[in-house]
Amino acid sequence: AETFYGVHSERPFFGELCEFMISEPIVVQVL
Protein backbone atom coordinates (compact mmCIF):
# COMPACT_ATOMS: atom_id res chain seq x y z
CA ALA A 1 0.00 0.00 0.00
CA GLU A 2 2.77 2.44 0.89
CA THR A 3 4.56 1.73 -2.38
CA PHE A 4 1.44 1.79 -4.55
CA TYR A 5 0.20 5.06 -3.04
CA GLY A 6 3.70 6.53 -2.69
CA VAL A 7 2.74 9.49 -4.87
CA HIS A 8 0.58 10.63 -1.93
CA SER A 9 3.21 10.05 0.78
CA GLU A 10 3.47 13.74 1.70
CA ARG A 11 -0.29 14.23 1.92
CA PRO A 12 -2.04 14.25 5.31
CA PHE A 13 -4.35 11.36 4.36
CA PHE A 14 -1.54 8.97 3.31
CA GLY A 15 -1.40 6.89 6.51
CA GLU A 16 -5.18 6.62 6.74
CA LEU A 17 -5.39 5.61 3.07
CA CYS A 18 -2.80 2.86 3.50
CA GLU A 19 -4.47 1.53 6.65
CA PHE A 20 -7.83 1.49 4.87
CA MET A 21 -6.43 -0.37 1.87
CA ILE A 22 -5.05 -3.18 4.06
CA SER A 23 -8.16 -3.41 6.27
CA GLU A 24 -9.95 -6.02 4.12
CA PRO A 25 -9.23 -7.92 0.91
CA ILE A 26 -9.35 -6.03 -2.38
CA VAL A 27 -9.94 -7.12 -5.96
CA VAL A 28 -7.34 -5.93 -8.45
CA GLN A 29 -8.23 -6.20 -12.11
CA VAL A 30 -7.31 -5.24 -15.61
CA LEU A 31 -10.15 -3.95 -17.75
Full PDB file with SEQRES, HELIX, SHEET, SSBOND, CRYST1, ORIGX, SCALE, CONECT and MASTER records, all heavy atoms in Angstrom:
SEQRES   1 A   31  ALA GLU THR PHE TYR GLY VAL HIS SER GLU ARG PRO PHE          
SEQRES   2 A   31  PHE GLY GLU LEU CYS GLU PHE MET ILE SER GLU PRO ILE          
SEQRES   3 A   31  VAL VAL GLN VAL LEU                                          
HELIX    1 AA1 GLY A    6  HIS A    8  5                                   3    
HELIX    2 AA2 PHE A   14  MET A   21  1                                   8    
CRYST1    1.000    1.000    1.000  90.00  90.00  90.00 P 1           1          
ORIGX1      1.000000  0.000000  0.000000        0.00000                         
ORIGX2      0.000000  1.000000  0.000000        0.00000                         
ORIGX3      0.000000  0.000000  1.000000        0.00000                         
SCALE1      1.000000  0.000000  0.000000        0.00000                         
SCALE2      0.000000  1.000000  0.000000        0.00000                         
SCALE3      0.000000  0.000000  1.000000        0.00000                         
ATOM      1  N   ALA A   1       0.836  -1.208   0.000  1.00  0.00           N  
ATOM      2  CA  ALA A   1       0.000   0.000   0.000  1.00  0.00           C  
ATOM      3  C   ALA A   1       0.866   1.252   0.000  1.00  0.00           C  
ATOM      4  O   ALA A   1       0.600   2.205  -0.748  1.00  0.00           O  
ATOM      5  CB  ALA A   1      -0.941  -0.008   1.200  1.00  0.00           C  
ATOM      6  N   GLU A   2       1.901   1.267   0.820  1.00  0.00           N  
ATOM      7  CA  GLU A   2       2.773   2.441   0.893  1.00  0.00           C  
ATOM      8  C   GLU A   2       3.508   2.674  -0.423  1.00  0.00           C  
ATOM      9  O   GLU A   2       3.718   3.812  -0.830  1.00  0.00           O  
ATOM     10  CB  GLU A   2       3.753   2.295   2.053  1.00  0.00           C  
ATOM     11  CG  GLU A   2       3.080   2.433   3.401  1.00  0.00           C  
ATOM     12  CD  GLU A   2       3.996   2.143   4.580  1.00  0.00           C  
ATOM     13  OE1 GLU A   2       5.063   1.524   4.395  1.00  0.00           O  
ATOM     14  OE2 GLU A   2       3.624   2.538   5.703  1.00  0.00           O  
ATOM     15  N   THR A   3       3.888   1.595  -1.092  1.00  0.00           N  
ATOM     16  CA  THR A   3       4.558   1.729  -2.383  1.00  0.00           C  
ATOM     17  C   THR A   3       3.569   2.165  -3.457  1.00  0.00           C  
ATOM     18  O   THR A   3       3.821   3.105  -4.215  1.00  0.00           O  
ATOM     19  CB  THR A   3       5.239   0.405  -2.779  1.00  0.00           C  
ATOM     20  OG1 THR A   3       6.178   0.053  -1.768  1.00  0.00           O  
ATOM     21  CG2 THR A   3       5.948   0.528  -4.118  1.00  0.00           C  
ATOM     22  N   PHE A   4       2.442   1.492  -3.528  1.00  0.00           N  
ATOM     23  CA  PHE A   4       1.440   1.786  -4.549  1.00  0.00           C  
ATOM     24  C   PHE A   4       0.953   3.230  -4.460  1.00  0.00           C  
ATOM     25  O   PHE A   4       0.797   3.910  -5.467  1.00  0.00           O  
ATOM     26  CB  PHE A   4       0.261   0.816  -4.442  1.00  0.00           C  
ATOM     27  CG  PHE A   4      -0.744   0.959  -5.545  1.00  0.00           C  
ATOM     28  CD1 PHE A   4      -0.492   0.421  -6.800  1.00  0.00           C  
ATOM     29  CD2 PHE A   4      -1.926   1.643  -5.341  1.00  0.00           C  
ATOM     30  CE1 PHE A   4      -1.413   0.566  -7.833  1.00  0.00           C  
ATOM     31  CE2 PHE A   4      -2.848   1.788  -6.371  1.00  0.00           C  
ATOM     32  CZ  PHE A   4      -2.598   1.251  -7.614  1.00  0.00           C  
ATOM     33  N   TYR A   5       0.701   3.698  -3.255  1.00  0.00           N  
ATOM     34  CA  TYR A   5       0.199   5.057  -3.042  1.00  0.00           C  
ATOM     35  C   TYR A   5       1.306   6.043  -2.701  1.00  0.00           C  
ATOM     36  O   TYR A   5       1.043   7.135  -2.193  1.00  0.00           O  
ATOM     37  CB  TYR A   5      -0.883   5.063  -1.957  1.00  0.00           C  
ATOM     38  CG  TYR A   5      -2.168   4.421  -2.414  1.00  0.00           C  
ATOM     39  CD1 TYR A   5      -2.522   3.156  -1.971  1.00  0.00           C  
ATOM     40  CD2 TYR A   5      -3.001   5.068  -3.312  1.00  0.00           C  
ATOM     41  CE1 TYR A   5      -3.699   2.559  -2.403  1.00  0.00           C  
ATOM     42  CE2 TYR A   5      -4.171   4.472  -3.760  1.00  0.00           C  
ATOM     43  CZ  TYR A   5      -4.516   3.222  -3.300  1.00  0.00           C  
ATOM     44  OH  TYR A   5      -5.670   2.639  -3.742  1.00  0.00           O  
ATOM     45  N   GLY A   6       2.551   5.697  -3.011  1.00  0.00           N  
ATOM     46  CA  GLY A   6       3.698   6.529  -2.691  1.00  0.00           C  
ATOM     47  C   GLY A   6       3.609   7.953  -3.206  1.00  0.00           C  
ATOM     48  O   GLY A   6       4.129   8.877  -2.583  1.00  0.00           O  
ATOM     49  N   VAL A   7       2.912   8.148  -4.315  1.00  0.00           N  
ATOM     50  CA  VAL A   7       2.744   9.490  -4.867  1.00  0.00           C  
ATOM     51  C   VAL A   7       2.047  10.422  -3.871  1.00  0.00           C  
ATOM     52  O   VAL A   7       2.206  11.633  -3.932  1.00  0.00           O  
ATOM     53  CB  VAL A   7       1.987   9.430  -6.214  1.00  0.00           C  
ATOM     54  CG1 VAL A   7       0.550   8.967  -6.033  1.00  0.00           C  
ATOM     55  CG2 VAL A   7       2.032  10.754  -6.932  1.00  0.00           C  
ATOM     56  N   HIS A   8       1.304   9.844  -2.937  1.00  0.00           N  
ATOM     57  CA  HIS A   8       0.578  10.633  -1.930  1.00  0.00           C  
ATOM     58  C   HIS A   8       1.292  10.682  -0.585  1.00  0.00           C  
ATOM     59  O   HIS A   8       0.717  11.155   0.398  1.00  0.00           O  
ATOM     60  CB  HIS A   8      -0.821  10.047  -1.708  1.00  0.00           C  
ATOM     61  CG  HIS A   8      -1.661  10.007  -2.943  1.00  0.00           C  
ATOM     62  ND1 HIS A   8      -1.998  11.131  -3.657  1.00  0.00           N  
ATOM     63  CD2 HIS A   8      -2.241   8.962  -3.589  1.00  0.00           C  
ATOM     64  CE1 HIS A   8      -2.757  10.788  -4.693  1.00  0.00           C  
ATOM     65  NE2 HIS A   8      -2.903   9.482  -4.678  1.00  0.00           N  
ATOM     66  N   SER A   9       2.532  10.225  -0.514  1.00  0.00           N  
ATOM     67  CA  SER A   9       3.209  10.053   0.783  1.00  0.00           C  
ATOM     68  C   SER A   9       3.338  11.328   1.604  1.00  0.00           C  
ATOM     69  O   SER A   9       3.414  11.261   2.834  1.00  0.00           O  
ATOM     70  CB  SER A   9       4.586   9.413   0.590  1.00  0.00           C  
ATOM     71  OG  SER A   9       5.420  10.263  -0.168  1.00  0.00           O  
ATOM     72  N   GLU A  10       3.348  12.474   0.970  1.00  0.00           N  
ATOM     73  CA  GLU A  10       3.469  13.740   1.697  1.00  0.00           C  
ATOM     74  C   GLU A  10       2.111  14.326   2.076  1.00  0.00           C  
ATOM     75  O   GLU A  10       2.053  15.340   2.767  1.00  0.00           O  
ATOM     76  CB  GLU A  10       4.253  14.763   0.866  1.00  0.00           C  
ATOM     77  CG  GLU A  10       5.667  14.312   0.520  1.00  0.00           C  
ATOM     78  CD  GLU A  10       6.512  14.013   1.751  1.00  0.00           C  
ATOM     79  OE1 GLU A  10       6.466  14.801   2.709  1.00  0.00           O  
ATOM     80  OE2 GLU A  10       7.213  12.979   1.750  1.00  0.00           O  
ATOM     81  N   ARG A  11       1.043  13.701   1.654  1.00  0.00           N  
ATOM     82  CA  ARG A  11      -0.292  14.231   1.924  1.00  0.00           C  
ATOM     83  C   ARG A  11      -0.773  13.773   3.292  1.00  0.00           C  
ATOM     84  O   ARG A  11      -0.421  12.681   3.763  1.00  0.00           O  
ATOM     85  CB  ARG A  11      -1.263  13.753   0.857  1.00  0.00           C  
ATOM     86  CG  ARG A  11      -0.720  14.041  -0.530  1.00  0.00           C  
ATOM     87  CD  ARG A  11      -1.316  14.786  -1.386  1.00  0.00           C  
ATOM     88  NE  ARG A  11      -2.143  15.700  -1.884  1.00  0.00           N  
ATOM     89  CZ  ARG A  11      -2.813  15.543  -3.007  1.00  0.00           C  
ATOM     90  NH1 ARG A  11      -2.799  14.404  -3.662  1.00  0.00           N  
ATOM     91  NH2 ARG A  11      -3.517  16.524  -3.484  1.00  0.00           N  
ATOM     92  N   PRO A  12      -1.602  14.583   3.950  1.00  0.00           N  
ATOM     93  CA  PRO A  12      -2.044  14.248   5.310  1.00  0.00           C  
ATOM     94  C   PRO A  12      -2.858  12.954   5.411  1.00  0.00           C  
ATOM     95  O   PRO A  12      -2.878  12.308   6.453  1.00  0.00           O  
ATOM     96  CB  PRO A  12      -2.882  15.453   5.737  1.00  0.00           C  
ATOM     97  CG  PRO A  12      -3.039  16.321   4.553  1.00  0.00           C  
ATOM     98  CD  PRO A  12      -2.070  15.880   3.503  1.00  0.00           C  
ATOM     99  N   PHE A  13      -3.499  12.555   4.333  1.00  0.00           N  
ATOM    100  CA  PHE A  13      -4.347  11.357   4.360  1.00  0.00           C  
ATOM    101  C   PHE A  13      -3.604  10.067   4.040  1.00  0.00           C  
ATOM    102  O   PHE A  13      -4.194   8.981   4.058  1.00  0.00           O  
ATOM    103  CB  PHE A  13      -5.528  11.515   3.391  1.00  0.00           C  
ATOM    104  CG  PHE A  13      -5.119  11.689   1.947  1.00  0.00           C  
ATOM    105  CD1 PHE A  13      -4.780  10.601   1.152  1.00  0.00           C  
ATOM    106  CD2 PHE A  13      -5.083  12.958   1.379  1.00  0.00           C  
ATOM    107  CE1 PHE A  13      -4.412  10.761  -0.177  1.00  0.00           C  
ATOM    108  CE2 PHE A  13      -4.720  13.131   0.042  1.00  0.00           C  
ATOM    109  CZ  PHE A  13      -4.386  12.027  -0.731  1.00  0.00           C  
ATOM    110  N   PHE A  14      -2.298  10.132   3.768  1.00  0.00           N  
ATOM    111  CA  PHE A  14      -1.538   8.966   3.307  1.00  0.00           C  
ATOM    112  C   PHE A  14      -1.637   7.778   4.264  1.00  0.00           C  
ATOM    113  O   PHE A  14      -1.948   6.657   3.851  1.00  0.00           O  
ATOM    114  CB  PHE A  14      -0.071   9.346   3.087  1.00  0.00           C  
ATOM    115  CG  PHE A  14       0.803   8.199   2.659  1.00  0.00           C  
ATOM    116  CD1 PHE A  14       0.674   7.628   1.410  1.00  0.00           C  
ATOM    117  CD2 PHE A  14       1.770   7.690   3.512  1.00  0.00           C  
ATOM    118  CE1 PHE A  14       1.486   6.576   1.003  1.00  0.00           C  
ATOM    119  CE2 PHE A  14       2.587   6.635   3.121  1.00  0.00           C  
ATOM    120  CZ  PHE A  14       2.440   6.078   1.864  1.00  0.00           C  
ATOM    121  N   GLY A  15      -1.365   7.984   5.540  1.00  0.00           N  
ATOM    122  CA  GLY A  15      -1.405   6.886   6.506  1.00  0.00           C  
ATOM    123  C   GLY A  15      -2.787   6.267   6.614  1.00  0.00           C  
ATOM    124  O   GLY A  15      -2.930   5.040   6.635  1.00  0.00           O  
ATOM    125  N   GLU A  16      -3.793   7.104   6.658  1.00  0.00           N  
ATOM    126  CA  GLU A  16      -5.175   6.622   6.743  1.00  0.00           C  
ATOM    127  C   GLU A  16      -5.546   5.831   5.487  1.00  0.00           C  
ATOM    128  O   GLU A  16      -6.200   4.782   5.571  1.00  0.00           O  
ATOM    129  CB  GLU A  16      -6.115   7.821   6.913  1.00  0.00           C  
ATOM    130  CG  GLU A  16      -7.557   7.447   7.123  1.00  0.00           C  
ATOM    131  CD  GLU A  16      -8.443   8.675   7.315  1.00  0.00           C  
ATOM    132  OE1 GLU A  16      -7.950   9.737   7.735  1.00  0.00           O  
ATOM    133  OE2 GLU A  16      -9.649   8.544   7.030  1.00  0.00           O  
ATOM    134  N   LEU A  17      -5.125   6.305   4.321  1.00  0.00           N  
ATOM    135  CA  LEU A  17      -5.387   5.606   3.067  1.00  0.00           C  
ATOM    136  C   LEU A  17      -4.749   4.224   3.076  1.00  0.00           C  
ATOM    137  O   LEU A  17      -5.401   3.219   2.746  1.00  0.00           O  
ATOM    138  CB  LEU A  17      -4.850   6.423   1.889  1.00  0.00           C  
ATOM    139  CG  LEU A  17      -4.856   5.747   0.515  1.00  0.00           C  
ATOM    140  CD1 LEU A  17      -6.266   5.395   0.072  1.00  0.00           C  
ATOM    141  CD2 LEU A  17      -4.177   6.653  -0.507  1.00  0.00           C  
ATOM    142  N   CYS A  18      -3.494   4.158   3.469  1.00  0.00           N  
ATOM    143  CA  CYS A  18      -2.795   2.863   3.497  1.00  0.00           C  
ATOM    144  C   CYS A  18      -3.450   1.906   4.482  1.00  0.00           C  
ATOM    145  O   CYS A  18      -3.648   0.721   4.165  1.00  0.00           O  
ATOM    146  CB  CYS A  18      -1.317   3.070   3.816  1.00  0.00           C  
ATOM    147  SG  CYS A  18      -0.412   3.892   2.478  1.00  0.00           S  
ATOM    148  N   GLU A  19      -3.803   2.381   5.656  1.00  0.00           N  
ATOM    149  CA  GLU A  19      -4.469   1.526   6.648  1.00  0.00           C  
ATOM    150  C   GLU A  19      -5.811   1.020   6.122  1.00  0.00           C  
ATOM    151  O   GLU A  19      -6.164  -0.141   6.310  1.00  0.00           O  
ATOM    152  CB  GLU A  19      -4.660   2.278   7.971  1.00  0.00           C  
ATOM    153  CG  GLU A  19      -3.380   2.476   8.747  1.00  0.00           C  
ATOM    154  CD  GLU A  19      -2.712   1.166   9.170  1.00  0.00           C  
ATOM    155  OE1 GLU A  19      -3.427   0.199   9.531  1.00  0.00           O  
ATOM    156  OE2 GLU A  19      -1.470   1.118   9.127  1.00  0.00           O  
ATOM    157  N   PHE A  20      -6.550   1.888   5.466  1.00  0.00           N  
ATOM    158  CA  PHE A  20      -7.830   1.487   4.872  1.00  0.00           C  
ATOM    159  C   PHE A  20      -7.622   0.398   3.828  1.00  0.00           C  
ATOM    160  O   PHE A  20      -8.337  -0.609   3.811  1.00  0.00           O  
ATOM    161  CB  PHE A  20      -8.536   2.699   4.257  1.00  0.00           C  
ATOM    162  CG  PHE A  20      -9.685   2.354   3.367  1.00  0.00           C  
ATOM    163  CD1 PHE A  20     -10.798   1.686   3.862  1.00  0.00           C  
ATOM    164  CD2 PHE A  20      -9.669   2.685   2.019  1.00  0.00           C  
ATOM    165  CE1 PHE A  20     -11.868   1.359   3.034  1.00  0.00           C  
ATOM    166  CE2 PHE A  20     -10.726   2.367   1.188  1.00  0.00           C  
ATOM    167  CZ  PHE A  20     -11.830   1.700   1.701  1.00  0.00           C  
ATOM    168  N   MET A  21      -6.637   0.569   2.963  1.00  0.00           N  
ATOM    169  CA  MET A  21      -6.431  -0.373   1.866  1.00  0.00           C  
ATOM    170  C   MET A  21      -5.967  -1.753   2.324  1.00  0.00           C  
ATOM    171  O   MET A  21      -6.095  -2.725   1.583  1.00  0.00           O  
ATOM    172  CB  MET A  21      -5.474   0.211   0.834  1.00  0.00           C  
ATOM    173  CG  MET A  21      -6.063   1.384   0.058  1.00  0.00           C  
ATOM    174  SD  MET A  21      -7.616   1.021  -0.803  1.00  0.00           S  
ATOM    175  CE  MET A  21      -7.049  -0.164  -2.027  1.00  0.00           C  
ATOM    176  N   ILE A  22      -5.453  -1.858   3.544  1.00  0.00           N  
ATOM    177  CA  ILE A  22      -5.051  -3.176   4.060  1.00  0.00           C  
ATOM    178  C   ILE A  22      -6.079  -3.735   5.043  1.00  0.00           C  
ATOM    179  O   ILE A  22      -5.900  -4.818   5.583  1.00  0.00           O  
ATOM    180  CB  ILE A  22      -3.645  -3.136   4.702  1.00  0.00           C  
ATOM    181  CG1 ILE A  22      -3.624  -2.314   5.989  1.00  0.00           C  
ATOM    182  CG2 ILE A  22      -2.617  -2.632   3.704  1.00  0.00           C  
ATOM    183  CD1 ILE A  22      -2.347  -2.436   6.804  1.00  0.00           C  
ATOM    184  N   SER A  23      -7.175  -3.028   5.252  1.00  0.00           N  
ATOM    185  CA  SER A  23      -8.161  -3.415   6.272  1.00  0.00           C  
ATOM    186  C   SER A  23      -8.991  -4.640   5.903  1.00  0.00           C  
ATOM    187  O   SER A  23      -9.495  -5.334   6.784  1.00  0.00           O  
ATOM    188  CB  SER A  23      -9.090  -2.240   6.581  1.00  0.00           C  
ATOM    189  OG  SER A  23      -9.910  -1.927   5.463  1.00  0.00           O  
ATOM    190  N   GLU A  24      -9.160  -4.893   4.641  1.00  0.00           N  
ATOM    191  CA  GLU A  24      -9.954  -6.015   4.120  1.00  0.00           C  
ATOM    192  C   GLU A  24      -9.334  -6.412   2.783  1.00  0.00           C  
ATOM    193  O   GLU A  24      -8.571  -5.642   2.193  1.00  0.00           O  
ATOM    194  CB  GLU A  24     -11.407  -5.592   3.877  1.00  0.00           C  
ATOM    195  CG  GLU A  24     -12.186  -5.177   5.105  1.00  0.00           C  
ATOM    196  CD  GLU A  24     -12.683  -6.347   5.927  1.00  0.00           C  
ATOM    197  OE1 GLU A  24     -12.815  -7.461   5.388  1.00  0.00           O  
ATOM    198  OE2 GLU A  24     -12.935  -6.136   7.127  1.00  0.00           O  
ATOM    199  N   PRO A  25      -9.704  -7.575   2.246  1.00  0.00           N  
ATOM    200  CA  PRO A  25      -9.233  -7.922   0.906  1.00  0.00           C  
ATOM    201  C   PRO A  25      -9.712  -6.910  -0.136  1.00  0.00           C  
ATOM    202  O   PRO A  25     -10.717  -6.217   0.067  1.00  0.00           O  
ATOM    203  CB  PRO A  25      -9.865  -9.291   0.650  1.00  0.00           C  
ATOM    204  CG  PRO A  25     -10.139  -9.840   2.010  1.00  0.00           C  
ATOM    205  CD  PRO A  25     -10.485  -8.644   2.853  1.00  0.00           C  
ATOM    206  N   ILE A  26      -8.976  -6.852  -1.235  1.00  0.00           N  
ATOM    207  CA  ILE A  26      -9.351  -6.033  -2.382  1.00  0.00           C  
ATOM    208  C   ILE A  26      -9.364  -6.922  -3.617  1.00  0.00           C  
ATOM    209  O   ILE A  26      -8.823  -8.028  -3.588  1.00  0.00           O  
ATOM    210  CB  ILE A  26      -8.379  -4.848  -2.594  1.00  0.00           C  
ATOM    211  CG1 ILE A  26      -6.948  -5.350  -2.861  1.00  0.00           C  
ATOM    212  CG2 ILE A  26      -8.426  -3.891  -1.404  1.00  0.00           C  
ATOM    213  CD1 ILE A  26      -5.959  -4.265  -3.263  1.00  0.00           C  
ATOM    214  N   VAL A  27      -9.980  -6.436  -4.674  1.00  0.00           N  
ATOM    215  CA  VAL A  27      -9.938  -7.124  -5.960  1.00  0.00           C  
ATOM    216  C   VAL A  27      -9.225  -6.202  -6.936  1.00  0.00           C  
ATOM    217  O   VAL A  27      -9.667  -5.074  -7.171  1.00  0.00           O  
ATOM    218  CB  VAL A  27     -11.343  -7.478  -6.479  1.00  0.00           C  
ATOM    219  CG1 VAL A  27     -11.268  -8.099  -7.877  1.00  0.00           C  
ATOM    220  CG2 VAL A  27     -12.039  -8.426  -5.512  1.00  0.00           C  
ATOM    221  N   VAL A  28      -8.082  -6.673  -7.433  1.00  0.00           N  
ATOM    222  CA  VAL A  28      -7.344  -5.925  -8.446  1.00  0.00           C  
ATOM    223  C   VAL A  28      -7.679  -6.536  -9.794  1.00  0.00           C  
ATOM    224  O   VAL A  28      -7.800  -7.760  -9.914  1.00  0.00           O  
ATOM    225  CB  VAL A  28      -5.821  -5.927  -8.176  1.00  0.00           C  
ATOM    226  CG1 VAL A  28      -5.499  -5.124  -6.925  1.00  0.00           C  
ATOM    227  CG2 VAL A  28      -5.248  -7.328  -8.054  1.00  0.00           C  
ATOM    228  N   GLN A  29      -7.853  -5.676 -10.801  1.00  0.00           N  
ATOM    229  CA  GLN A  29      -8.226  -6.199 -12.106  1.00  0.00           C  
ATOM    230  C   GLN A  29      -7.720  -5.321 -13.235  1.00  0.00           C  
ATOM    231  O   GLN A  29      -7.434  -4.143 -13.048  1.00  0.00           O  
ATOM    232  CB  GLN A  29      -9.738  -6.393 -12.232  1.00  0.00           C  
ATOM    233  CG  GLN A  29     -10.586  -5.425 -11.534  1.00  0.00           C  
ATOM    234  CD  GLN A  29     -12.063  -5.799 -11.532  1.00  0.00           C  
ATOM    235  OE1 GLN A  29     -12.471  -6.918 -11.808  1.00  0.00           O  
ATOM    236  NE2 GLN A  29     -12.872  -4.828 -11.218  1.00  0.00           N  
ATOM    237  N   VAL A  30      -7.646  -5.943 -14.391  1.00  0.00           N  
ATOM    238  CA  VAL A  30      -7.312  -5.241 -15.613  1.00  0.00           C  
ATOM    239  C   VAL A  30      -8.561  -5.274 -16.485  1.00  0.00           C  
ATOM    240  O   VAL A  30      -9.127  -6.340 -16.736  1.00  0.00           O  
ATOM    241  CB  VAL A  30      -6.121  -5.902 -16.346  1.00  0.00           C  
ATOM    242  CG1 VAL A  30      -5.814  -5.154 -17.638  1.00  0.00           C  
ATOM    243  CG2 VAL A  30      -4.902  -5.962 -15.432  1.00  0.00           C  
ATOM    244  N   LEU A  31      -8.978  -4.089 -16.898  1.00  0.00           N  
ATOM    245  CA  LEU A  31     -10.155  -3.950 -17.748  1.00  0.00           C  
ATOM    246  C   LEU A  31      -9.708  -3.551 -19.142  1.00  0.00           C  
ATOM    247  O   LEU A  31      -8.763  -2.780 -19.299  1.00  0.00           O  
ATOM    248  CB  LEU A  31     -11.090  -2.878 -17.182  1.00  0.00           C  
ATOM    249  CG  LEU A  31     -11.518  -3.037 -15.730  1.00  0.00           C  
ATOM    250  CD1 LEU A  31     -12.346  -1.841 -15.278  1.00  0.00           C  
ATOM    251  CD2 LEU A  31     -12.279  -4.337 -15.524  1.00  0.00           C  
TER     252      LEU A  31                                                      
MASTER        0    0    0    2    0    0    0    6  251    1    0    3          
END                                                                             
